[in-house]
Amino acid sequence: MIEHVDDASGRGEPPMSSEGAPLRRIQAPRLMDPRDQLYGSPELLLASKEVLLIPEVSYITRLGETKLRELRESGELPAKKEGRSVRYRTTVVLIYLGKNDK
């Protein structure tokens, strides 16, 4: 069993390996969605926009674009199609999230 001896600064000495070198703590990388840098967070995105595009709804709901298309075609998550773009109302997305949160 290794005991830590407090030094003058009040911190314990780092544990040593069998060769006498101090052991370094390895930290796992923090998992983060790269879209967080683009959008901020799902909450900020929902609060700042009235109409959302497919990539934004995909980020908020964590669903793929194909699944969103299926939900749109089934009427479960209605959207308005304007030319080639599809737009979802923020209120509709919030209702969908509230329904499927249980």
Protein backbone atom coordinates (compact mmCIF):
# COMPACT_ATOMS: atom_id res chain seq x y z
CA MET A 1 0.00 0.00 0.00
CA ILE A 2 1.33 3.43 -0.98
CA GLU A 3 0.88 6.30 1.44
CA HIS A 4 0.92 9.92 0.36
CA VAL A 5 3.14 12.21 2.39
CA ASP A 6 2.04 15.82 2.55
CA ASP A 7 4.63 18.32 1.44
CA ALA A 8 4.97 21.91 2.65
CA SER A 9 2.35 23.22 0.20
CA GLY A 10 -0.33 20.97 1.64
CA ARG A 11 -0.60 18.81 -1.48
CA GLY A 12 0.21 15.13 -1.46
CA GLU A 13 3.11 13.81 -3.48
CA PRO A 14 2.12 12.04 -6.67
CA PRO A 15 2.22 8.24 -6.63
CA MET A 16 5.42 6.74 -8.04
CA SER A 17 5.86 3.89 -10.48
CA SER A 18 8.08 0.92 -9.70
CA GLU A 19 10.92 2.72 -11.52
CA GLY A 20 10.53 5.77 -9.27
CA ALA A 21 8.98 8.07 -11.86
CA PRO A 22 5.82 9.96 -10.91
CA LEU A 23 2.62 8.54 -12.38
CA ARG A 24 0.54 10.85 -14.54
CA ARG A 25 -3.24 10.74 -14.54
CA ILE A 26 -4.72 9.99 -17.96
CA GLN A 27 -7.97 11.82 -18.59
CA ALA A 28 -10.48 10.50 -21.07
CA PRO A 29 -11.44 12.99 -23.76
CA ARG A 30 -14.65 14.86 -23.02
CA LEU A 31 -17.36 13.76 -25.42
CA MET A 32 -18.97 16.77 -26.99
CA ASP A 33 -21.18 17.24 -29.98
CA PRO A 34 -19.23 19.32 -32.52
CA ARG A 35 -22.48 21.08 -33.42
CA ASP A 36 -22.47 22.65 -29.94
CA GLN A 37 -19.88 25.14 -31.21
CA LEU A 38 -22.12 26.03 -34.15
CA TYR A 39 -25.49 26.22 -32.38
CA GLY A 40 -24.54 26.79 -28.72
CA SER A 41 -26.98 24.30 -27.23
CA PRO A 42 -30.40 22.87 -28.13
CA GLU A 43 -32.02 25.17 -25.56
CA LEU A 44 -30.39 28.30 -27.01
CA LEU A 45 -31.34 27.29 -30.53
CA LEU A 46 -34.98 26.71 -29.56
CA ALA A 47 -35.13 30.04 -27.74
CA SER A 48 -33.56 32.07 -30.52
CA LYS A 49 -35.49 30.89 -33.58
CA GLU A 50 -39.12 30.60 -34.57
CA VAL A 51 -38.51 28.36 -37.59
CA LEU A 52 -35.90 25.59 -37.78
CA LEU A 53 -34.24 23.79 -40.68
CA ILE A 54 -33.63 20.04 -40.93
CA PRO A 55 -30.02 20.09 -39.57
CA GLU A 56 -31.14 22.17 -36.59
CA VAL A 57 -34.08 19.87 -35.77
CA SER A 58 -31.78 16.88 -36.21
CA TYR A 59 -29.38 18.39 -33.67
CA ILE A 60 -32.12 19.21 -31.18
CA THR A 61 -33.94 15.85 -31.40
CA ARG A 62 -30.81 13.74 -31.97
CA LEU A 63 -32.59 12.08 -34.89
CA GLY A 64 -31.17 11.57 -38.36
CA GLU A 65 -32.47 13.34 -41.43
CA THR A 66 -34.07 10.13 -42.75
CA LYS A 67 -36.01 9.61 -39.52
CA LEU A 68 -37.14 13.25 -39.63
CA ARG A 69 -38.42 12.70 -43.18
CA GLU A 70 -40.35 9.62 -42.02
CA LEU A 71 -41.90 11.59 -39.14
CA ARG A 72 -42.78 14.44 -41.49
CA GLU A 73 -44.41 12.13 -44.03
CA SER A 74 -46.39 10.30 -41.33
CA GLY A 75 -47.63 13.64 -39.92
CA GLU A 76 -46.12 13.02 -36.49
CA LEU A 77 -43.76 15.98 -36.87
CA PRO A 78 -45.37 18.36 -39.36
CA ALA A 79 -43.28 20.75 -41.40
CA LYS A 80 -43.79 23.29 -44.15
CA LYS A 81 -42.01 22.77 -47.43
CA GLU A 82 -41.01 25.95 -49.26
CA GLY A 83 -39.46 25.07 -52.58
CA ARG A 84 -36.60 22.73 -51.76
CA SER A 85 -36.28 23.72 -48.11
CA VAL A 86 -38.20 22.20 -45.21
CA ARG A 87 -39.02 24.31 -42.18
CA TYR A 88 -40.22 23.19 -38.76
CA ARG A 89 -41.94 25.51 -36.29
CA THR A 90 -40.18 25.65 -32.92
CA THR A 91 -43.48 25.07 -31.10
CA VAL A 92 -44.09 21.86 -33.08
CA VAL A 93 -40.61 20.56 -32.20
CA LEU A 94 -41.17 21.38 -28.51
CA ILE A 95 -44.52 19.54 -28.54
CA TYR A 96 -42.87 16.53 -30.21
CA LEU A 97 -40.08 16.50 -27.62
CA GLY A 98 -42.58 16.77 -24.76
CA LYS A 99 -44.65 13.90 -26.16
CA ASN A 100 -41.65 11.61 -26.58
CA ASP A 101 -39.87 12.59 -23.36
CA LYS A 102 -41.81 10.12 -21.24
